[in-house]
Structures are given as structure tokens and as C-alpha cells.
Amino acid sequence: MNVTLDYDFLAPQKIVFGWGRRREIGSLARSLGRRAFLVSGLPEHLGKPIIAEIEGLLRAEAIEVAPIATLSHEPEVADVDCAAVQLRALGAGEGDFLLALGGGAAIDLAKAAAAMATNDQSPTIKDYLENVGRDLKIVCDPLPVLAVPTTAGTGAEATKNAVISAYDPPFKKSVRDDRLMPRIALIDPELTVSVPPEVTAAGGMDAITQLIESFLSRKAKPIPQALAVQGLKLAMPSLGKAVENPSSRLARGAMSHAALLSGMALTNSGLGMAHGVAAALGIHCRVPHGVACALMLPVALEANREICQFEIAKLCHVIFGRKVPARAGEAVDFFIEKIESLCCRVKTPRRLSQIGVRREQIPDLVKSSRGSSMNGNPRELSDQELTDILEGIF
């Protein structure tokens, strides 16, 4: 695999990271505007006290807070369009910004709505998504976004795209523009403490998958590769601890940092087969994204091992050190076994049949796996090859 030395690198203008640092949100937000449109992805029983705290901190800085959306699922076209209608009705413009408080779904909804608020070539986000609508481009600068993740997984606080789904017809596609990158990413690992173990597991495996796939991607770049190594050194020993001991400050901090690094890595280097199939599992079978990534990651590593055996071995040696066998092929086996062991430890499903997939859905999964993520996969996979792979894990 050749890593180009001709590259750009994109990241949030400002990253604020640390336990309890949400309390700085007032002064940070003041640099963006005087009215915050709130998009929340927090469940009601957990969200009320957090939202109340955030609103109080903002109002102390004379920042008005206007809630426009609460999301309990991955963002859909209708969610974005509805938020955009509200923003336009409220006269959103200069001096306003989007505040995303939640997981990747809330952050992606905020980014897409921020673009729709200032771009009116179409009333629907579908026309801005890749390969599904009119292929419209973002012309005017989106409203600024302040992203405050409350999960450690997608890294959406550091990506330049928003992933939007629909189910009739089914698709999961991105609106993509450098200006969709959140202006400020405020990451407070303390906000992830109340996340349930199964969500922690799925989100953490999503981050690990993003770190590995961005390292191995055919679009890999040197800075994202360095970030991926650092992220994996944090995440591999910490995810199990975060699942088993949710209040662990060290584990939660490590996973939040790994997720942030995974977002920067993927937005600059792309992904691969695991994410390509995960998107298809989401739209056809409603499988949570992190669960799908956890299932597909070891399979993707096995599928790509002949093409990037030495890269996987190198990654393994850097992360696990002297424990790793010297021979490349044995190192790859060791790495895949470590991933499988972690998946078992955090109790993510290992077979398609365990997550509600029916065998007759496999052709649709193969078709819908094609897209931006699959384009970064180190190995070209024919439809038949991908079919055989999915049949093998049914």
C-alpha cells in the first residue's frame, strides 16, 4: 500500500477536550453567536438535567437557546427537512449557530440542518446527498456548529459529512462539504458515563473500526494514520473496561479521545468494507451502526489480508508490541483474534442471523454496500465475492 505525501488535512477549528469541560460552553459558544438552535439526541430521562445545565451555562452568557429537534434514531431525510423548515421560520442567519448535544445521529442532523438553513436550492436534503437526488452542492456557508458528543463512537464532531438515511426507497448516504466540519468540538468524557453498556460497546467498536479502516484505506494519509495508531492504543485496552465499569474516568476518557481521533482519521483517509456493509445493514435491517461495524470488522480484515498483510502486521506490532509473532501472517492472525476477543468481551453479535438478517436479504445488502466507504477498501470485491463473504457469516 502506498501512502501519498500529497495531502490536505481537515479538522475542527477548535477542539476542547477534558473531564468536566462542558462547563466552558458559554464562553466557547459566545464566539459563534447569540442564538443557539439545539439538536438533542439524549433520551428524556437522561437528557433533562444535562440540557438544563447546558442551557443555564449559555443563558449566563446572554445566549438564547431554541430547541429545534430531539432525535432517538439515526437521522432521516424527513428529520433534516423538518429541522430546516423550523430554522427558516425562525429566521436563522448571521449570529446563529447549531448546538448538537448527543451521539453521532444528533451531530449529523445538526450539520445537515446547518447547511439547509443557508442553502435553498431545494427544500429537501435528499437533493444534496451523494448519488440519490439532484446532486446539488452546498453553495453558501452553513451555520456554524458546536458539537458536544455524549457518546464515544462515531467521531462526528470531527467529520465533514452528515450521514442521512431513508427507507422507501432504502439508502444511507452523505451530504459532504469541508464547511460541514463543526466549528468547535467540545468533548467532555464525563457526559458518556450514563451511556448503557450495549451502547458503549457498539460505539466503541465503531470508533475502533474507523481507526483500523482509515489506517488501511487505499486513500490513507500519513497524519490520519498516526492518529489511528494513537487511537487504537487508547481504545483496544479501554473499551472492555468502559463497558464493565461505566464510571471509570480513565476508560471513558480514552474512548472519547479515540472516537475523536477516529473522526479526524476517517474524514481525511476514508474507510472500507466494514463500513460499506454496515450502512447496508442499517437501511435494510435497521441494525445499529456500531453493532454492524463490530460484526463486520474481523471479516473485513480477513478479506483484505492478502492485499495489506504487512500493513496489518505493522499496526499490530505497534499496538501490542513484543507479544506479537514476528511473521506477518501470524501477526495478522493475532490481530484478528484480538478483535474477535474484544467483540466477545463486550458482547456484540457475531453472525448476521443474530441481528435479524434474513438470507434472502443478502443480494440487497451487497448492492447497497457500494458507496464512498467501499471505495476506500484495499481490495476490490466483486458482487459474488461479497455475497460469499456474507453467506459465510450468516
Foldseek 3Di string as FASTA:
>chain_A
DDADPDFDFAWAQAEADEAPCLLVVQVVCVVQAQEEAEEEADDPVLPVVVVVSNCVSNVVNNHHYHYQYYDPAAAAFVLLLSSLVVCVVVVDDGRYAYEFEEALRSLLSRLSSQQSNVDPPDSTCQQQWPPGHVVDARDDQGRAYEYEYLAQAQLNLIAQWRWHFDQVVTAITIRGDSSSRHNYYYYHLVSNLPPALLRLQLRLLNLLQLLVFLLQFPQHHDVLVVLSLQLCLLRLVQSLVCSVPSVDPSSSSSRNSSSNSSNSSCNGRAGAQQQLLLRLCCRPVVFPSSLSSLQCRLLLLVVCCVQPLVSQLVSQCSRPNPVADPDSVSNSVVVSVSSVVSCVSSPRDHAPVVSPDDLVCLLVSLVSSDDRRNNGRSDDDDSVRSSVSNVVRD
